[in-house]
Amino acid sequence: MDLADADGIWVFDGVCNFCSRSVRLALRLDRLGRLRFAPIQSPYGRLLAVHGRIDPDKPDTFLFIDRGRALTGSDAVIALTRRLPAPWRWFAVLRLVPKSWRDAGYDWVAQNRYRLMGRRDTCMIPSPEIRARFVLEPPAS
């Protein structure tokens, strides 16, 4: 799979309440529409997850495609926040924190996300107003 043209795609766990709420927040903040979203349960989300070495049936992280690069963990969070307006983009300063510390914090949240905020039986369904920001199928080659 070639990701050279893929950019600004957030692959998230669509049944995770924490993840779905984070996506809703990003949708509100990203007024310029720079971000697109793919639930890991969708055909394209699954394809991207496998490419990013994430088990789509047991995701332990989210994936952010940044200029063709598949990023996970705290690196994905930092790349994603760079796309948001200030003051949110200022969270990118976290890149100065040692990666092992950043990832330890990220991993704790990721491992406890269902316990912290629960999960749904089905994927988040985007409203008609935001549906165009969701990528569910791979682009035609």
N, C-alpha and C. Protein backbone atom coordinates (compact mmCIF):
# COMPACT_ATOMS: atom_id res chain seq x y z
N MET A 1 0.85 -1.18 0.00
CA MET A 1 0.00 0.00 0.00
C MET A 1 0.89 1.24 0.00
N ASP A 2 0.59 2.17 -0.86
CA ASP A 2 1.36 3.40 -0.96
C ASP A 2 0.60 4.53 -0.26
N LEU A 3 1.23 5.10 0.74
CA LEU A 3 0.60 6.20 1.48
C LEU A 3 1.14 7.56 1.07
N ALA A 4 1.90 7.62 0.00
CA ALA A 4 2.57 8.86 -0.39
C ALA A 4 1.62 10.05 -0.46
N ASP A 5 0.39 9.84 -0.95
CA ASP A 5 -0.56 10.94 -1.09
C ASP A 5 -1.49 11.10 0.11
N ALA A 6 -1.41 10.18 1.08
CA ALA A 6 -2.30 10.24 2.24
C ALA A 6 -1.75 11.28 3.22
N ASP A 7 -2.65 12.10 3.75
CA ASP A 7 -2.21 13.12 4.68
C ASP A 7 -3.37 13.56 5.58
N GLY A 8 -3.07 13.75 6.85
CA GLY A 8 -4.05 14.27 7.79
C GLY A 8 -5.20 13.33 8.08
N ILE A 9 -4.95 12.01 8.04
CA ILE A 9 -6.00 11.03 8.30
C ILE A 9 -5.80 10.43 9.69
N TRP A 10 -6.84 10.54 10.51
CA TRP A 10 -6.82 10.01 11.87
C TRP A 10 -7.61 8.72 11.86
N VAL A 11 -6.94 7.60 12.09
CA VAL A 11 -7.59 6.29 12.19
C VAL A 11 -7.85 6.05 13.67
N PHE A 12 -9.14 5.93 14.02
CA PHE A 12 -9.51 5.84 15.43
C PHE A 12 -10.43 4.65 15.67
N ASP A 13 -10.51 4.24 16.93
CA ASP A 13 -11.39 3.15 17.36
C ASP A 13 -12.80 3.70 17.48
N GLY A 14 -13.65 3.36 16.52
CA GLY A 14 -15.00 3.92 16.45
C GLY A 14 -15.94 3.47 17.54
N VAL A 15 -15.60 2.43 18.29
CA VAL A 15 -16.47 1.98 19.39
C VAL A 15 -16.00 2.51 20.74
N CYS A 16 -14.87 3.18 20.76
CA CYS A 16 -14.31 3.73 21.99
C CYS A 16 -14.90 5.12 22.23
N ASN A 17 -15.54 5.32 23.37
CA ASN A 17 -16.12 6.63 23.69
C ASN A 17 -15.06 7.72 23.81
N PHE A 18 -13.92 7.40 24.40
CA PHE A 18 -12.84 8.38 24.52
C PHE A 18 -12.39 8.82 23.13
N CYS A 19 -12.19 7.85 22.24
CA CYS A 19 -11.73 8.14 20.88
C CYS A 19 -12.77 8.95 20.11
N SER A 20 -14.02 8.53 20.19
CA SER A 20 -15.09 9.23 19.47
C SER A 20 -15.26 10.65 19.96
N ARG A 21 -15.15 10.86 21.26
CA ARG A 21 -15.25 12.23 21.79
C ARG A 21 -14.06 13.07 21.37
N SER A 22 -12.89 12.46 21.29
CA SER A 22 -11.71 13.18 20.81
C SER A 22 -11.88 13.60 19.35
N VAL A 23 -12.45 12.73 18.55
CA VAL A 23 -12.72 13.06 17.14
C VAL A 23 -13.72 14.21 17.06
N ARG A 24 -14.77 14.16 17.85
CA ARG A 24 -15.76 15.25 17.85
C ARG A 24 -15.11 16.59 18.23
N LEU A 25 -14.22 16.55 19.22
CA LEU A 25 -13.51 17.76 19.61
C LEU A 25 -12.66 18.27 18.45
N ALA A 26 -11.93 17.39 17.81
CA ALA A 26 -11.09 17.80 16.68
C ALA A 26 -11.93 18.37 15.54
N LEU A 27 -13.10 17.80 15.31
CA LEU A 27 -13.99 18.33 14.27
C LEU A 27 -14.41 19.77 14.58
N ARG A 28 -14.69 20.04 15.84
CA ARG A 28 -15.07 21.41 16.23
C ARG A 28 -13.90 22.37 16.10
N LEU A 29 -12.70 21.92 16.46
CA LEU A 29 -11.54 22.79 16.47
C LEU A 29 -10.96 23.02 15.07
N ASP A 30 -11.05 22.03 14.22
CA ASP A 30 -10.44 22.08 12.89
C ASP A 30 -11.40 22.73 11.90
N ARG A 31 -11.54 24.03 12.03
CA ARG A 31 -12.49 24.76 11.18
C ARG A 31 -12.07 24.80 9.72
N LEU A 32 -10.78 24.61 9.44
CA LEU A 32 -10.30 24.64 8.06
C LEU A 32 -10.43 23.28 7.38
N GLY A 33 -10.83 22.27 8.13
CA GLY A 33 -11.04 20.95 7.54
C GLY A 33 -9.77 20.25 7.09
N ARG A 34 -8.71 20.43 7.83
CA ARG A 34 -7.43 19.80 7.47
C ARG A 34 -7.39 18.32 7.80
N LEU A 35 -8.18 17.93 8.80
CA LEU A 35 -8.17 16.53 9.25
C LEU A 35 -9.31 15.75 8.62
N ARG A 36 -9.01 14.47 8.35
CA ARG A 36 -10.03 13.52 7.92
C ARG A 36 -9.96 12.32 8.86
N PHE A 37 -11.02 11.56 8.90
CA PHE A 37 -11.14 10.52 9.91
C PHE A 37 -11.56 9.20 9.28
N ALA A 38 -11.00 8.11 9.82
CA ALA A 38 -11.37 6.77 9.36
C ALA A 38 -11.49 5.86 10.58
N PRO A 39 -12.72 5.41 10.88
CA PRO A 39 -12.84 4.43 11.97
C PRO A 39 -12.05 3.17 11.61
N ILE A 40 -11.37 2.62 12.58
CA ILE A 40 -10.57 1.42 12.33
C ILE A 40 -11.45 0.25 11.89
N GLN A 41 -12.74 0.34 12.20
CA GLN A 41 -13.68 -0.72 11.83
C GLN A 41 -14.13 -0.61 10.37
N SER A 42 -13.78 0.48 9.67
CA SER A 42 -14.16 0.65 8.27
C SER A 42 -13.14 -0.06 7.37
N PRO A 43 -13.50 -0.35 6.12
CA PRO A 43 -12.53 -1.01 5.22
C PRO A 43 -11.21 -0.23 5.09
N TYR A 44 -11.29 1.08 4.91
CA TYR A 44 -10.06 1.87 4.76
C TYR A 44 -9.31 1.96 6.08
N GLY A 45 -10.02 2.12 7.19
CA GLY A 45 -9.38 2.16 8.49
C GLY A 45 -8.62 0.88 8.79
N ARG A 46 -9.23 -0.26 8.45
CA ARG A 46 -8.56 -1.55 8.66
C ARG A 46 -7.29 -1.65 7.82
N LEU A 47 -7.40 -1.23 6.57
CA LEU A 47 -6.26 -1.27 5.65
C LEU A 47 -5.11 -0.40 6.17
N LEU A 48 -5.44 0.81 6.59
CA LEU A 48 -4.42 1.71 7.13
C LEU A 48 -3.83 1.15 8.43
N ALA A 49 -4.67 0.58 9.28
CA ALA A 49 -4.18 0.01 10.54
C ALA A 49 -3.17 -1.11 10.28
N VAL A 50 -3.50 -2.01 9.39
CA VAL A 50 -2.59 -3.11 9.07
C VAL A 50 -1.28 -2.54 8.53
N HIS A 51 -1.38 -1.54 7.66
CA HIS A 51 -0.17 -0.90 7.12
C HIS A 51 0.66 -0.27 8.24
N GLY A 52 -0.01 0.29 9.25
CA GLY A 52 0.69 0.91 10.38
C GLY A 52 1.04 -0.07 11.49
N ARG A 53 0.87 -1.36 11.22
CA ARG A 53 1.20 -2.44 12.17
C ARG A 53 0.36 -2.40 13.44
N ILE A 54 -0.94 -2.10 13.26
CA ILE A 54 -1.90 -2.13 14.36
C ILE A 54 -2.91 -3.23 14.07
N ASP A 55 -3.22 -4.04 15.06
CA ASP A 55 -4.25 -5.07 14.90
C ASP A 55 -5.60 -4.37 14.90
N PRO A 56 -6.32 -4.37 13.75
CA PRO A 56 -7.60 -3.65 13.70
C PRO A 56 -8.67 -4.26 14.60
N ASP A 57 -8.49 -5.50 15.01
CA ASP A 57 -9.47 -6.14 15.88
C ASP A 57 -9.18 -5.90 17.37
N LYS A 58 -7.96 -5.47 17.68
CA LYS A 58 -7.57 -5.17 19.06
C LYS A 58 -6.64 -3.97 19.06
N PRO A 59 -7.16 -2.81 18.67
CA PRO A 59 -6.27 -1.64 18.59
C PRO A 59 -5.80 -1.20 19.97
N ASP A 60 -4.50 -0.95 20.08
CA ASP A 60 -3.95 -0.47 21.35
C ASP A 60 -3.41 0.95 21.21
N THR A 61 -3.66 1.55 20.06
CA THR A 61 -3.24 2.92 19.80
C THR A 61 -4.08 3.44 18.64
N PHE A 62 -3.95 4.72 18.35
CA PHE A 62 -4.56 5.23 17.13
C PHE A 62 -3.45 5.50 16.14
N LEU A 63 -3.85 5.77 14.93
CA LEU A 63 -2.90 5.99 13.84
C LEU A 63 -3.18 7.35 13.23
N PHE A 64 -2.12 8.09 12.95
CA PHE A 64 -2.28 9.36 12.25
C PHE A 64 -1.36 9.33 11.05
N ILE A 65 -1.93 9.55 9.88
CA ILE A 65 -1.15 9.58 8.66
C ILE A 65 -0.74 11.03 8.42
N ASP A 66 0.55 11.29 8.51
CA ASP A 66 1.10 12.63 8.40
C ASP A 66 2.07 12.66 7.22
N ARG A 67 1.61 13.29 6.13
CA ARG A 67 2.43 13.41 4.92
C ARG A 67 3.00 12.06 4.48
N GLY A 68 2.11 11.06 4.45
CA GLY A 68 2.49 9.73 4.00
C GLY A 68 3.13 8.84 5.04
N ARG A 69 3.37 9.36 6.24
CA ARG A 69 3.98 8.56 7.31
C ARG A 69 2.91 8.10 8.28
N ALA A 70 2.94 6.83 8.65
CA ALA A 70 2.01 6.27 9.62
C ALA A 70 2.61 6.42 11.00
N LEU A 71 2.00 7.28 11.83
CA LEU A 71 2.50 7.54 13.18
C LEU A 71 1.54 6.98 14.22
N THR A 72 2.10 6.52 15.35
CA THR A 72 1.28 6.00 16.44
C THR A 72 1.73 6.65 17.75
N GLY A 73 0.97 6.38 18.81
CA GLY A 73 1.33 6.83 20.15
C GLY A 73 1.47 8.33 20.25
N SER A 74 2.42 8.75 21.08
CA SER A 74 2.59 10.18 21.33
C SER A 74 3.06 10.93 20.08
N ASP A 75 3.79 10.27 19.19
CA ASP A 75 4.19 10.92 17.94
C ASP A 75 2.96 11.29 17.12
N ALA A 76 1.96 10.42 17.11
CA ALA A 76 0.71 10.70 16.38
C ALA A 76 -0.03 11.87 17.02
N VAL A 77 -0.07 11.92 18.34
CA VAL A 77 -0.75 13.01 19.04
C VAL A 77 -0.09 14.34 18.68
N ILE A 78 1.22 14.38 18.71
CA ILE A 78 1.95 15.61 18.42
C ILE A 78 1.72 16.06 16.97
N ALA A 79 1.79 15.13 16.03
CA ALA A 79 1.56 15.48 14.62
C ALA A 79 0.14 15.99 14.42
N LEU A 80 -0.81 15.37 15.08
CA LEU A 80 -2.21 15.79 14.96
C LEU A 80 -2.41 17.18 15.54
N THR A 81 -1.85 17.45 16.71
CA THR A 81 -2.06 18.75 17.33
C THR A 81 -1.45 19.88 16.51
N ARG A 82 -0.40 19.58 15.75
CA ARG A 82 0.19 20.60 14.87
C ARG A 82 -0.80 21.09 13.82
N ARG A 83 -1.80 20.29 13.51
CA ARG A 83 -2.79 20.65 12.50
C ARG A 83 -3.93 21.50 13.07
N LEU A 84 -3.99 21.61 14.38
CA LEU A 84 -5.08 22.34 15.02
C LEU A 84 -4.70 23.80 15.25
N PRO A 85 -5.69 24.66 15.43
CA PRO A 85 -5.37 26.08 15.68
C PRO A 85 -4.81 26.26 17.10
N ALA A 86 -4.16 27.40 17.31
CA ALA A 86 -3.70 27.75 18.66
C ALA A 86 -4.94 27.92 19.54
N PRO A 87 -4.86 27.57 20.79
CA PRO A 87 -3.71 27.13 21.56
C PRO A 87 -3.45 25.63 21.48
N TRP A 88 -4.30 24.89 20.80
CA TRP A 88 -4.17 23.43 20.76
C TRP A 88 -2.86 22.99 20.11
N ARG A 89 -2.42 23.71 19.08
CA ARG A 89 -1.18 23.30 18.41
C ARG A 89 0.03 23.44 19.32
N TRP A 90 -0.10 24.22 20.38
CA TRP A 90 1.01 24.39 21.30
C TRP A 90 1.35 23.10 22.04
N PHE A 91 0.43 22.14 22.04
CA PHE A 91 0.74 20.85 22.67
C PHE A 91 1.88 20.14 21.95
N ALA A 92 2.22 20.58 20.75
CA ALA A 92 3.34 19.99 20.01
C ALA A 92 4.66 20.18 20.76
N VAL A 93 4.69 21.10 21.72
CA VAL A 93 5.89 21.30 22.53
C VAL A 93 6.23 20.02 23.31
N LEU A 94 5.28 19.12 23.44
CA LEU A 94 5.53 17.85 24.13
C LEU A 94 6.62 17.03 23.44
N ARG A 95 6.93 17.36 22.20
CA ARG A 95 8.01 16.63 21.51
C ARG A 95 9.35 16.82 22.22
N LEU A 96 9.45 17.85 23.08
CA LEU A 96 10.68 18.09 23.84
C LEU A 96 10.82 17.13 25.02
N VAL A 97 9.71 16.52 25.42
CA VAL A 97 9.73 15.53 26.51
C VAL A 97 10.29 14.23 25.92
N PRO A 98 11.14 13.54 26.67
CA PRO A 98 11.67 12.27 26.14
C PRO A 98 10.55 11.34 25.67
N LYS A 99 10.77 10.72 24.52
CA LYS A 99 9.76 9.87 23.90
C LYS A 99 9.30 8.75 24.84
N SER A 100 10.21 8.17 25.60
CA SER A 100 9.83 7.08 26.50
C SER A 100 8.82 7.57 27.54
N TRP A 101 8.96 8.78 28.03
CA TRP A 101 8.01 9.35 29.00
C TRP A 101 6.68 9.64 28.34
N ARG A 102 6.76 10.28 27.15
CA ARG A 102 5.52 10.60 26.41
C ARG A 102 4.73 9.32 26.13
N ASP A 103 5.44 8.32 25.64
CA ASP A 103 4.76 7.07 25.28
C ASP A 103 4.21 6.35 26.50
N ALA A 104 4.90 6.44 27.64
CA ALA A 104 4.38 5.82 28.86
C ALA A 104 3.04 6.45 29.26
N GLY A 105 2.95 7.76 29.19
CA GLY A 105 1.68 8.45 29.49
C GLY A 105 0.61 8.10 28.47
N TYR A 106 0.97 8.10 27.21
CA TYR A 106 0.02 7.76 26.17
C TYR A 106 -0.48 6.32 26.37
N ASP A 107 0.45 5.39 26.59
CA ASP A 107 0.09 3.98 26.74
C ASP A 107 -0.86 3.76 27.91
N TRP A 108 -0.67 4.50 29.01
CA TRP A 108 -1.56 4.35 30.16
C TRP A 108 -2.99 4.74 29.77
N VAL A 109 -3.14 5.88 29.09
CA VAL A 109 -4.47 6.32 28.66
C VAL A 109 -5.06 5.30 27.68
N ALA A 110 -4.26 4.87 26.69
CA ALA A 110 -4.75 3.92 25.68
C ALA A 110 -5.21 2.61 26.32
N GLN A 111 -4.46 2.11 27.29
CA GLN A 111 -4.80 0.84 27.93
C GLN A 111 -6.03 0.95 28.82
N ASN A 112 -6.34 2.15 29.29
CA ASN A 112 -7.46 2.34 30.21
C ASN A 112 -8.63 3.09 29.61
N ARG A 113 -8.62 3.33 28.31
CA ARG A 113 -9.64 4.18 27.68
C ARG A 113 -11.05 3.62 27.83
N TYR A 114 -11.23 2.32 27.72
CA TYR A 114 -12.57 1.75 27.89
C TYR A 114 -13.03 1.87 29.34
N ARG A 115 -12.10 1.66 30.27
CA ARG A 115 -12.45 1.76 31.69
C ARG A 115 -12.77 3.21 32.06
N LEU A 116 -12.05 4.16 31.49
CA LEU A 116 -12.25 5.57 31.80
C LEU A 116 -13.56 6.12 31.24
N MET A 117 -13.88 5.75 29.99
CA MET A 117 -15.04 6.37 29.33
C MET A 117 -15.99 5.37 28.67
N GLY A 118 -15.69 4.09 28.73
CA GLY A 118 -16.60 3.09 28.18
C GLY A 118 -16.44 2.88 26.69
N ARG A 119 -17.30 2.01 26.19
CA ARG A 119 -17.30 1.70 24.77
C ARG A 119 -18.72 1.49 24.29
N ARG A 120 -18.91 1.59 23.00
CA ARG A 120 -20.23 1.42 22.38
C ARG A 120 -20.31 0.04 21.74
N ASP A 121 -21.51 -0.34 21.38
CA ASP A 121 -21.69 -1.59 20.66
C ASP A 121 -21.44 -1.41 19.16
N THR A 122 -21.63 -0.19 18.68
CA THR A 122 -21.45 0.09 17.26
C THR A 122 -20.57 1.32 17.08
N CYS A 123 -20.08 1.47 15.88
CA CYS A 123 -19.22 2.62 15.53
C CYS A 123 -19.99 3.92 15.59
N MET A 124 -19.26 4.99 15.85
CA MET A 124 -19.81 6.33 15.78
C MET A 124 -20.29 6.58 14.34
N ILE A 125 -21.50 7.12 14.21
CA ILE A 125 -22.07 7.44 12.90
C ILE A 125 -21.96 8.96 12.71
N PRO A 126 -21.19 9.40 11.70
CA PRO A 126 -21.08 10.85 11.50
C PRO A 126 -22.39 11.45 10.99
N SER A 127 -22.66 12.65 11.42
CA SER A 127 -23.85 13.36 10.96
C SER A 127 -23.65 13.74 9.49
N PRO A 128 -24.74 14.04 8.78
CA PRO A 128 -24.60 14.44 7.37
C PRO A 128 -23.68 15.65 7.18
N GLU A 129 -23.63 16.57 8.15
CA GLU A 129 -22.80 17.77 8.02
C GLU A 129 -21.30 17.45 8.01
N ILE A 130 -20.92 16.39 8.69
CA ILE A 130 -19.49 16.08 8.78
C ILE A 130 -19.10 14.81 8.02
N ARG A 131 -20.05 14.16 7.42
CA ARG A 131 -19.78 12.88 6.74
C ARG A 131 -18.66 12.98 5.71
N ALA A 132 -18.56 14.10 5.01
CA ALA A 132 -17.52 14.26 3.99
C ALA A 132 -16.11 14.22 4.57
N ARG A 133 -15.98 14.44 5.86
CA ARG A 133 -14.65 14.42 6.51
C ARG A 133 -14.22 13.01 6.89
N PHE A 134 -15.11 12.02 6.70
CA PHE A 134 -14.80 10.64 7.03
C PHE A 134 -14.47 9.86 5.76
N VAL A 135 -13.39 9.10 5.82
CA VAL A 135 -12.93 8.29 4.70
C VAL A 135 -13.14 6.85 5.08
N LEU A 136 -14.11 6.20 4.45
CA LEU A 136 -14.45 4.83 4.85
C LEU A 136 -13.93 3.78 3.87
N GLU A 137 -13.70 4.17 2.64
CA GLU A 137 -13.23 3.25 1.60
C GLU A 137 -11.90 3.75 1.07
N PRO A 138 -11.03 2.84 0.65
CA PRO A 138 -9.75 3.27 0.05
C PRO A 138 -10.01 4.08 -1.22
N PRO A 139 -9.14 5.04 -1.50
CA PRO A 139 -9.30 5.80 -2.74
C PRO A 139 -9.16 4.89 -3.95
N ALA A 140 -9.86 5.19 -5.00
CA ALA A 140 -9.77 4.40 -6.24
C ALA A 140 -8.37 4.57 -6.81
N SER A 141 -7.79 3.48 -7.22
CA SER A 141 -6.43 3.53 -7.79
C SER A 141 -6.45 3.77 -9.27
